[in-house]
Amino acid sequence: MLFKLKNLIDKYGAAETARLLARCALQSAKAGLGPREGDRAAVDALLEEIRAGEYERLVLRRGSFGWHTPLFQRAQQLARAMSRRGCLVLYEASPAHEELRGAEKLGEGLWLVNLRARRLRREIENAAVGSGRPRWVMLASPEGAFKADLIKRYAAAGWGVIYDYIDAIRPEISGGGCVPRRTRALCEGAMKDRRVIVTTSSQALLDDARRRGRDALLVENGVDCAWFSSLGPCPEDARFRALLQKGKPILCYYGALASWLDYEALYSLAADGRFSLLLIGAKYDGSFDRELAGAENVVFLGPRPYETLKDYAGRCSVLLVPFRRGEVGDAASPVKLFEYMALGVPVVAGDTAECRRCQSVLIAADTGDYLRRVEEALALRSDEHYRKTEQAEACAADWLLRADVLCSALQEKEEERKNSR
């Protein structure tokens, strides 16, 4: 906890950290009070939709990774794709990212819900039971907000449980000096409980689950191909437009600025002088400020809305996934990797397991190899065969196809339960 606090102070300063923590505490307290009178209409509409049962199954996505985080990642994408495949998905709001007392409809079959209020949570769960439809609760690593007995509580109440194993259980991922006990206990509990369906986002995590004795399901990360297939207007962003006007090739990375990045490689690319290095995203820890802040030819824009990421990245020359090899890097299936490919821009990545699986990605064997690979990537920008290879890989990774894999597994389990009665 102290290490996390230090990270926040490193990123935002003491005063801003105090304001953030106070705001989160206030929003959490308000959420715990439940819906106000003005919130009841949305809550009643949600409960009516649950009770109607006009969906394949209900999926309650629990966790502290809010919908409106700076990074629109697997959690939100998979929830949205499952709703488009006939599921009713209820996504838990996080006081750190949402001020929600009741419920908010995000799309057809997709709701953001406040589960901090016990009475409201019981209303939602009871309505799910009363619907007669299959119901599932979905948890993900590296979640640290829940005790391991949450799995037992839902399973005992007749819910199916999905544990989505998406990152290595490591201190770097947890954002602290050690892995929180609840994070580790939840993972171990899910692996041991045979009632739980374990899904993984990468082959390395699938192998790890199997070493733990679990027959897990690989549900890889993906991309919303329809969204990334065309660019919108150039962002009204003075710093970005100034970068475009310089005329240098722009090497871009968007995502978390964290300790698993190869900052030495990024520094060397910027120091070469021929390129501009564009970084978009949130500082996950203090690594960026230690390793790259203030370097020449580096432009750090901070977070940008998911809806505009393609409009930045699609106008760059080469897109980077500079992950270092190791337990964290090899376990990671970067969502950005598939989004980059859908944009049709050449991709250079670190020598990690999931990046190596992609035919169109140029792999830098080590830190010193990035420059050579970037030069190769620049030469591929007008290569039609390369572009088609990239687009084919992206289309094969559409989130709707990933949702199909998971929904098929859930349907099979539902039929098994029905036949065993």
Protein backbone atom coordinates (compact mmCIF):
# COMPACT_ATOMS: atom_id res chain seq x y z
CA MET A 1 0.00 0.00 0.00
CA LEU A 2 2.84 2.41 0.86
CA PHE A 3 4.55 1.60 -2.45
CA LYS A 4 1.35 2.38 -4.35
CA LEU A 5 1.02 5.65 -2.48
CA LYS A 6 4.59 6.54 -3.41
CA ASN A 7 3.80 5.75 -7.07
CA LEU A 8 0.84 8.10 -7.00
CA ILE A 9 2.90 10.87 -5.43
CA ASP A 10 5.65 10.32 -8.02
CA LYS A 11 3.09 10.63 -10.83
CA TYR A 12 0.86 13.41 -9.58
CA GLY A 13 2.62 15.12 -6.68
CA ALA A 14 1.50 15.09 -3.04
CA ALA A 15 -1.25 17.71 -3.37
CA GLU A 16 -2.89 16.16 -6.44
CA THR A 17 -2.61 12.67 -4.92
CA ALA A 18 -4.41 13.89 -1.81
CA ARG A 19 -7.17 15.37 -3.98
CA LEU A 20 -7.50 12.15 -6.02
CA LEU A 21 -7.73 9.96 -2.92
CA ALA A 22 -10.24 12.29 -1.29
CA ARG A 23 -12.41 12.34 -4.41
CA CYS A 24 -12.29 8.55 -4.71
CA ALA A 25 -13.22 8.13 -1.04
CA LEU A 26 -16.14 10.56 -1.45
CA GLN A 27 -17.41 8.85 -4.59
CA SER A 28 -17.09 5.44 -2.93
CA ALA A 29 -19.12 6.65 0.06
CA LYS A 30 -21.81 8.09 -2.21
CA ALA A 31 -21.97 4.88 -4.25
CA GLY A 32 -22.43 2.91 -1.05
CA LEU A 33 -25.58 4.91 -0.30
CA GLY A 34 -27.23 3.57 -3.44
CA PRO A 35 -29.52 5.22 -5.99
CA ARG A 36 -31.08 8.63 -5.42
CA GLU A 37 -34.67 9.26 -6.41
CA GLY A 38 -33.54 10.54 -9.80
CA ASP A 39 -31.54 7.34 -10.39
CA ARG A 40 -34.46 4.95 -9.95
CA ALA A 41 -35.78 5.18 -13.53
CA ALA A 42 -32.53 3.78 -14.95
CA VAL A 43 -32.33 1.13 -12.20
CA ASP A 44 -35.93 0.03 -12.82
CA ALA A 45 -35.26 -0.19 -16.57
CA LEU A 46 -32.23 -2.38 -15.85
CA LEU A 47 -34.16 -4.67 -13.51
CA GLU A 48 -36.97 -4.97 -16.05
CA GLU A 49 -34.48 -5.94 -18.76
CA ILE A 50 -32.90 -8.55 -16.48
CA ARG A 51 -36.25 -10.09 -15.51
CA ALA A 52 -37.49 -10.19 -19.12
CA GLY A 53 -34.77 -12.73 -19.93
CA GLU A 54 -34.55 -11.81 -23.61
CA TYR A 55 -30.86 -12.67 -23.86
CA GLU A 56 -28.68 -15.76 -24.07
CA ARG A 57 -27.10 -15.33 -20.64
CA LEU A 58 -26.34 -12.66 -18.07
CA VAL A 59 -22.71 -11.82 -17.36
CA LEU A 60 -21.92 -9.76 -14.25
CA ARG A 61 -18.43 -8.32 -14.73
CA ARG A 62 -17.07 -7.51 -11.28
CA GLY A 63 -13.89 -5.58 -10.60
CA SER A 64 -12.19 -2.29 -9.85
CA PHE A 65 -11.15 -1.60 -13.47
CA GLY A 66 -13.78 1.01 -14.32
CA TRP A 67 -15.31 1.56 -17.71
CA HIS A 68 -14.00 5.12 -18.04
CA THR A 69 -10.35 4.42 -17.27
CA PRO A 70 -7.70 6.14 -19.42
CA LEU A 71 -7.05 2.76 -21.10
CA PHE A 72 -9.90 1.09 -23.01
CA GLN A 73 -8.73 -2.48 -22.72
CA ARG A 74 -9.74 -6.15 -22.75
CA ALA A 75 -12.29 -5.78 -19.95
CA GLN A 76 -14.40 -3.18 -21.77
CA GLN A 77 -13.85 -4.60 -25.25
CA LEU A 78 -14.82 -8.15 -24.32
CA ALA A 79 -17.86 -6.91 -22.38
CA ARG A 80 -19.04 -4.93 -25.39
CA ALA A 81 -18.40 -7.79 -27.81
CA MET A 82 -20.31 -10.26 -25.61
CA SER A 83 -23.27 -7.90 -25.47
CA ARG A 84 -23.24 -7.85 -29.27
CA ARG A 85 -23.32 -11.65 -29.24
CA GLY A 86 -26.58 -11.85 -27.33
CA CYS A 87 -25.42 -11.60 -23.70
CA LEU A 88 -26.73 -9.10 -21.18
CA VAL A 89 -23.53 -7.70 -19.66
CA LEU A 90 -23.49 -5.71 -16.41
CA TYR A 91 -20.14 -4.00 -15.89
CA GLU A 92 -19.25 -2.88 -12.36
CA ALA A 93 -18.52 0.84 -11.97
CA SER A 94 -15.41 1.96 -10.09
CA PRO A 95 -15.53 5.02 -7.79
CA ALA A 96 -12.03 5.86 -8.99
CA HIS A 97 -13.35 6.41 -12.52
CA GLU A 98 -17.14 6.82 -12.36
CA GLU A 99 -19.55 8.77 -10.22
CA LEU A 100 -22.52 6.43 -10.38
CA ARG A 101 -25.17 5.76 -7.76
CA GLY A 102 -27.47 3.56 -9.85
CA ALA A 103 -27.11 2.25 -13.39
CA GLU A 104 -26.27 3.64 -16.82
CA LYS A 105 -27.06 2.01 -20.15
CA LEU A 106 -23.94 1.97 -22.32
CA GLY A 107 -25.43 0.19 -25.31
CA GLU A 108 -27.77 -2.61 -26.34
CA GLY A 109 -27.35 -5.36 -23.77
CA LEU A 110 -24.63 -3.46 -21.90
CA TRP A 111 -24.98 -1.61 -18.57
CA LEU A 112 -22.64 0.12 -16.16
CA VAL A 113 -23.85 -0.67 -12.63
CA ASN A 114 -23.09 0.44 -9.09
CA LEU A 115 -22.47 -2.66 -6.98
CA ARG A 116 -21.12 -0.82 -3.94
CA ALA A 117 -24.63 -0.42 -2.55
CA ARG A 118 -25.55 -3.79 -1.00
CA ARG A 119 -29.28 -3.36 -1.44
CA LEU A 120 -28.94 -2.51 -5.12
CA ARG A 121 -26.52 -5.37 -5.65
CA ARG A 122 -29.01 -7.80 -4.07
CA GLU A 123 -31.79 -6.41 -6.28
CA ILE A 124 -29.69 -7.03 -9.37
CA GLU A 125 -28.57 -10.51 -8.31
CA ASN A 126 -32.10 -11.55 -7.28
CA ALA A 127 -33.49 -10.32 -10.60
CA ALA A 128 -30.86 -12.41 -12.39
CA VAL A 129 -31.89 -15.49 -10.42
CA GLY A 130 -35.57 -14.81 -11.16
CA SER A 131 -34.96 -14.45 -14.90
CA GLY A 132 -34.36 -18.16 -15.31
CA ARG A 133 -31.52 -17.44 -17.74
CA PRO A 134 -27.94 -18.74 -17.30
CA ARG A 135 -25.99 -16.32 -15.14
CA TRP A 136 -22.25 -15.85 -14.81
CA VAL A 137 -19.98 -13.67 -12.74
CA MET A 138 -16.65 -12.70 -14.32
CA LEU A 139 -13.52 -11.73 -12.38
CA ALA A 140 -10.09 -10.94 -13.75
CA SER A 141 -6.47 -10.86 -12.67
CA PRO A 142 -4.80 -8.91 -11.17
CA GLU A 143 -7.89 -7.92 -9.18
CA GLY A 144 -7.13 -6.96 -5.59
CA ALA A 145 -10.48 -5.67 -4.35
CA PHE A 146 -12.11 -8.99 -3.50
CA LYS A 147 -11.52 -11.81 -1.06
CA ALA A 148 -11.16 -15.30 -2.50
CA ASP A 149 -14.39 -16.43 -0.85
CA LEU A 150 -16.35 -14.26 -3.32
CA ILE A 151 -15.96 -17.13 -5.80
CA LYS A 152 -17.43 -19.61 -3.33
CA ARG A 153 -20.34 -17.28 -2.55
CA TYR A 154 -21.38 -16.93 -6.18
CA ALA A 155 -20.84 -20.61 -7.00
CA ALA A 156 -22.92 -21.67 -3.97
CA ALA A 157 -25.74 -19.39 -5.17
CA GLY A 158 -25.85 -21.12 -8.54
CA TRP A 159 -23.80 -18.67 -10.56
CA GLY A 160 -21.21 -19.83 -13.03
CA VAL A 161 -17.82 -18.22 -12.38
CA ILE A 162 -15.27 -17.09 -14.98
CA TYR A 163 -11.75 -16.14 -13.93
CA ASP A 164 -10.02 -14.20 -16.71
CA TYR A 165 -6.27 -14.67 -16.28
CA ILE A 166 -4.91 -11.74 -18.28
CA ASP A 167 -1.57 -10.75 -16.77
CA ALA A 168 1.27 -12.31 -14.83
CA ILE A 169 0.75 -12.09 -11.07
CA ARG A 170 3.74 -9.85 -10.55
CA PRO A 171 4.48 -6.71 -8.46
CA GLU A 172 5.00 -4.64 -11.63
CA ILE A 173 1.47 -5.36 -12.80
CA SER A 174 -0.05 -4.70 -9.38
CA GLY A 175 1.64 -1.31 -9.30
CA GLY A 176 3.30 -1.91 -5.96
CA GLY A 177 6.38 -3.35 -4.31
CA CYS A 178 4.67 -6.73 -3.92
CA VAL A 179 1.62 -8.62 -5.11
CA PRO A 180 -1.36 -7.86 -2.84
CA ARG A 181 -2.45 -10.87 -0.80
CA ARG A 182 -5.99 -10.65 -2.13
CA THR A 183 -4.75 -10.67 -5.73
CA ARG A 184 -2.71 -13.81 -5.14
CA ALA A 185 -5.44 -15.50 -3.08
CA LEU A 186 -8.12 -14.82 -5.69
CA CYS A 187 -5.94 -16.31 -8.42
CA GLU A 188 -5.06 -19.38 -6.36
CA GLY A 189 -8.67 -19.85 -5.32
CA ALA A 190 -9.88 -19.68 -8.91
CA MET A 191 -7.26 -22.17 -10.07
CA LYS A 192 -8.17 -24.68 -7.36
CA ASP A 193 -11.97 -24.46 -7.66
CA ARG A 194 -13.12 -26.82 -10.42
CA ARG A 195 -16.44 -24.99 -10.70
CA VAL A 196 -14.59 -22.00 -12.18
CA ILE A 197 -13.94 -21.59 -15.91
CA VAL A 198 -10.43 -20.17 -16.30
CA THR A 199 -9.76 -18.14 -19.44
CA THR A 200 -6.37 -16.76 -20.44
CA SER A 201 -5.28 -14.02 -22.83
CA SER A 202 -1.93 -15.51 -23.86
CA GLN A 203 -0.23 -18.85 -24.45
CA ALA A 204 2.19 -18.25 -21.57
CA LEU A 205 -0.70 -17.79 -19.14
CA LEU A 206 -2.47 -20.81 -20.60
CA ASP A 207 0.68 -22.86 -19.98
CA ASP A 208 0.89 -21.51 -16.44
CA ALA A 209 -2.74 -22.44 -15.75
CA ARG A 210 -2.07 -25.96 -17.03
CA ARG A 211 0.98 -26.25 -14.78
CA ARG A 212 -1.41 -25.46 -11.95
CA GLY A 213 -3.56 -28.38 -13.07
CA ARG A 214 -6.25 -26.37 -14.87
CA ASP A 215 -7.74 -27.08 -18.29
CA ALA A 216 -8.03 -23.40 -19.21
CA LEU A 217 -9.43 -21.74 -22.32
CA LEU A 218 -7.39 -19.40 -24.52
CA VAL A 219 -9.39 -16.26 -25.37
CA GLU A 220 -6.85 -13.98 -27.00
CA ASN A 221 -6.98 -10.21 -27.14
CA GLY A 222 -8.24 -8.52 -30.25
CA VAL A 223 -9.41 -5.41 -32.05
CA ASP A 224 -12.61 -3.70 -33.10
CA CYS A 225 -11.80 -3.94 -36.80
CA ALA A 226 -14.79 -1.90 -37.89
CA TRP A 227 -13.64 1.00 -35.72
CA PHE A 228 -9.95 0.91 -36.68
CA SER A 229 -10.50 0.38 -40.41
CA SER A 230 -10.76 4.11 -41.19
CA LEU A 231 -9.34 7.30 -39.76
CA GLY A 232 -11.27 10.27 -38.50
CA PRO A 233 -10.15 13.90 -38.78
CA CYS A 234 -6.68 14.85 -37.62
CA PRO A 235 -6.90 15.64 -33.89
CA GLU A 236 -7.13 19.30 -32.94
CA ASP A 237 -3.99 18.90 -30.88
CA ALA A 238 -1.39 21.63 -31.33
CA ARG A 239 1.56 19.51 -30.17
CA PHE A 240 0.65 16.64 -32.47
CA ARG A 241 0.12 18.90 -35.45
CA ALA A 242 3.46 20.58 -34.79
CA LEU A 243 5.05 17.13 -34.81
CA LEU A 244 3.47 16.34 -38.19
CA GLN A 245 4.74 19.63 -39.59
CA LYS A 246 8.34 18.77 -38.68
CA GLY A 247 8.30 16.18 -41.43
CA LYS A 248 10.32 13.58 -39.55
CA PRO A 249 9.05 9.98 -39.44
CA ILE A 250 6.99 9.61 -36.26
CA LEU A 251 7.47 6.49 -34.14
CA CYS A 252 4.48 6.07 -31.86
CA TYR A 253 3.61 4.02 -28.80
CA TYR A 254 0.32 4.31 -26.94
CA GLY A 255 -0.50 2.56 -23.69
CA ALA A 256 0.78 2.41 -20.14
CA LEU A 257 4.16 4.02 -19.46
CA ALA A 258 5.47 1.29 -17.16
CA SER A 259 8.56 -0.56 -16.03
CA TRP A 260 8.11 -3.40 -18.55
CA LEU A 261 8.93 -1.06 -21.46
CA ASP A 262 12.39 -1.05 -23.02
CA TYR A 263 13.23 2.57 -22.26
CA GLU A 264 16.81 2.12 -23.43
CA ALA A 265 15.52 1.23 -26.91
CA LEU A 266 13.14 4.19 -26.92
CA TYR A 267 15.92 6.54 -25.83
CA SER A 268 18.23 5.27 -28.58
CA LEU A 269 15.56 5.76 -31.26
CA ALA A 270 14.94 9.33 -30.11
CA ALA A 271 18.66 10.06 -29.81
CA ASP A 272 19.25 8.95 -33.41
CA GLY A 273 17.81 12.32 -34.46
CA ARG A 274 16.07 11.16 -37.63
CA PHE A 275 12.77 10.38 -35.88
CA SER A 276 10.24 11.92 -33.56
CA LEU A 277 9.12 9.64 -30.73
CA LEU A 278 5.46 10.10 -29.77
CA LEU A 279 4.17 8.59 -26.52
CA ILE A 280 0.48 8.58 -25.60
CA GLY A 281 -0.87 7.14 -22.35
CA ALA A 282 -0.85 7.21 -18.59
CA LYS A 283 2.18 6.97 -16.34
CA TYR A 284 1.59 3.64 -14.63
CA ASP A 285 4.57 4.07 -12.31
CA GLY A 286 7.57 6.37 -12.01
CA SER A 287 9.60 4.64 -14.73
CA PHE A 288 8.96 7.18 -17.50
CA ASP A 289 10.11 10.12 -15.39
CA ARG A 290 13.23 8.22 -14.36
CA GLU A 291 14.17 6.91 -17.79
CA LEU A 292 12.89 9.19 -20.56
CA ALA A 293 11.39 12.45 -19.35
CA GLY A 294 13.12 15.44 -20.92
CA ALA A 295 14.88 13.43 -23.64
CA GLU A 296 15.32 15.17 -26.99
CA ASN A 297 12.91 14.27 -29.82
CA VAL A 298 10.40 12.76 -27.35
CA VAL A 299 6.85 14.12 -27.16
CA PHE A 300 4.68 12.78 -24.34
CA LEU A 301 1.03 13.75 -24.72
CA GLY A 302 -0.42 11.91 -21.74
CA PRO A 303 -3.70 10.00 -22.03
CA ARG A 304 -6.02 10.57 -24.97
CA PRO A 305 -9.59 9.24 -25.40
CA TYR A 306 -9.84 5.77 -26.92
CA GLU A 307 -12.01 7.19 -29.69
CA THR A 308 -9.12 9.36 -30.94
CA LEU A 309 -6.21 6.93 -30.64
CA LYS A 310 -6.54 5.69 -34.21
CA ASP A 311 -6.48 9.27 -35.48
CA TYR A 312 -3.08 9.80 -33.86
CA ALA A 313 -1.51 6.40 -34.54
CA GLY A 314 -2.83 6.09 -38.09
CA ARG A 315 -0.91 9.24 -39.08
CA CYS A 316 2.40 7.96 -37.73
CA SER A 317 5.13 6.17 -39.67
CA VAL A 318 5.86 3.18 -37.43
CA LEU A 319 4.02 1.89 -34.36
CA LEU A 320 5.90 0.39 -31.43
CA VAL A 321 5.28 -2.31 -28.82
CA PRO A 322 8.59 -1.90 -26.91
CA PHE A 323 7.98 -4.58 -24.26
CA ARG A 324 10.99 -6.21 -22.64
CA ARG A 325 11.37 -9.99 -22.53
CA GLY A 326 10.61 -11.59 -19.20
CA GLU A 327 7.72 -12.96 -17.21
CA VAL A 328 5.60 -9.83 -17.61
CA GLY A 329 6.39 -9.21 -21.28
CA ASP A 330 5.97 -12.82 -22.38
CA ALA A 331 2.64 -13.17 -20.57
CA ALA A 332 1.26 -9.99 -22.13
CA SER A 333 -1.02 -10.01 -25.17
CA PRO A 334 -0.97 -6.30 -26.06
CA VAL A 335 -4.36 -5.06 -27.27
CA LYS A 336 -2.55 -2.26 -29.07
CA LEU A 337 -0.74 -4.83 -31.21
CA PHE A 338 -3.95 -5.82 -32.99
CA GLU A 339 -5.17 -2.23 -33.17
CA TYR A 340 -1.91 -1.21 -34.81
CA MET A 341 -2.25 -3.97 -37.42
CA ALA A 342 -5.84 -2.95 -38.21
CA LEU A 343 -4.56 0.56 -38.99
CA GLY A 344 -2.22 -0.83 -41.64
CA VAL A 345 0.87 0.87 -40.18
CA PRO A 346 4.10 -1.19 -39.87
CA VAL A 347 4.72 -2.51 -36.35
CA VAL A 348 8.04 -3.02 -34.53
CA ALA A 349 7.93 -4.92 -31.25
CA GLY A 350 10.15 -6.38 -28.58
CA ASP A 351 11.04 -10.06 -28.67
CA THR A 352 8.14 -11.26 -26.51
CA ALA A 353 6.13 -14.44 -26.92
CA GLU A 354 2.82 -13.01 -28.18
CA CYS A 355 4.45 -10.50 -30.53
CA ARG A 356 6.52 -13.30 -32.09
CA ARG A 357 3.30 -15.10 -33.02
CA CYS A 358 2.28 -12.34 -35.44
CA GLN A 359 3.60 -12.74 -38.97
CA SER A 360 3.47 -9.06 -39.87
CA VAL A 361 5.26 -7.76 -36.75
CA LEU A 362 8.95 -6.91 -37.07
CA ILE A 363 10.68 -8.27 -33.98
CA ALA A 364 13.67 -6.46 -32.46
CA ALA A 365 15.84 -9.25 -31.09
CA ASP A 366 17.30 -6.94 -28.46
CA THR A 367 17.59 -3.26 -27.54
CA GLY A 368 20.16 -2.57 -30.21
CA ASP A 369 18.05 -4.15 -32.95
CA TYR A 370 15.23 -1.59 -32.82
CA LEU A 371 16.91 0.87 -35.16
CA ARG A 372 17.39 -1.73 -37.90
CA ARG A 373 13.81 -2.93 -37.56
CA VAL A 374 12.43 0.62 -37.70
CA GLU A 375 14.35 1.22 -40.92
CA GLU A 376 12.85 -1.96 -42.37
CA ALA A 377 9.38 -0.89 -41.24
CA LEU A 378 9.70 2.49 -42.95
CA ALA A 379 10.50 0.69 -46.20
CA LEU A 380 7.33 -1.42 -45.83
CA ARG A 381 4.92 1.50 -45.60
CA SER A 382 4.09 1.28 -49.32
CA ASP A 383 4.31 -2.53 -49.55
CA GLU A 384 0.84 -3.77 -50.52
CA HIS A 385 1.60 -7.40 -49.65
CA TYR A 386 2.68 -6.39 -46.15
CA ARG A 387 -0.44 -4.28 -45.68
CA LYS A 388 -2.69 -7.19 -46.72
CA THR A 389 -0.89 -9.52 -44.29
CA GLU A 390 -1.41 -7.04 -41.47
CA GLN A 391 -5.08 -6.57 -42.26
CA ALA A 392 -5.70 -10.31 -42.51
CA GLU A 393 -4.15 -10.84 -39.06
CA ALA A 394 -6.21 -8.01 -37.63
CA CYS A 395 -9.49 -9.32 -39.08
CA ALA A 396 -8.79 -12.76 -37.61
CA ALA A 397 -8.47 -11.10 -34.19
CA ASP A 398 -11.77 -9.19 -34.16
CA TRP A 399 -13.27 -8.92 -30.68
CA LEU A 400 -16.52 -10.45 -31.91
CA LEU A 401 -14.61 -13.61 -32.85
CA ARG A 402 -12.95 -13.64 -29.43
CA ALA A 403 -16.37 -13.31 -27.80
CA ASP A 404 -17.61 -16.24 -29.90
CA VAL A 405 -14.89 -18.46 -28.40
CA LEU A 406 -15.92 -17.59 -24.85
CA CYS A 407 -19.68 -17.71 -25.48
CA SER A 408 -19.36 -21.14 -27.11
CA ALA A 409 -17.54 -22.44 -24.02
CA LEU A 410 -20.21 -20.99 -21.74
CA GLN A 411 -22.99 -22.51 -23.82
CA GLU A 412 -21.32 -25.92 -23.64
CA LYS A 413 -21.08 -25.65 -19.86
CA GLU A 414 -24.71 -24.50 -19.63
CA GLU A 415 -25.86 -27.54 -21.62
CA GLU A 416 -23.82 -29.83 -19.38
CA ARG A 417 -25.52 -28.41 -16.31
CA LYS A 418 -28.95 -28.68 -17.89
CA ASN A 419 -28.42 -32.32 -18.84
CA SER A 420 -27.10 -33.22 -15.40
CA ARG A 421 -30.28 -32.13 -13.63
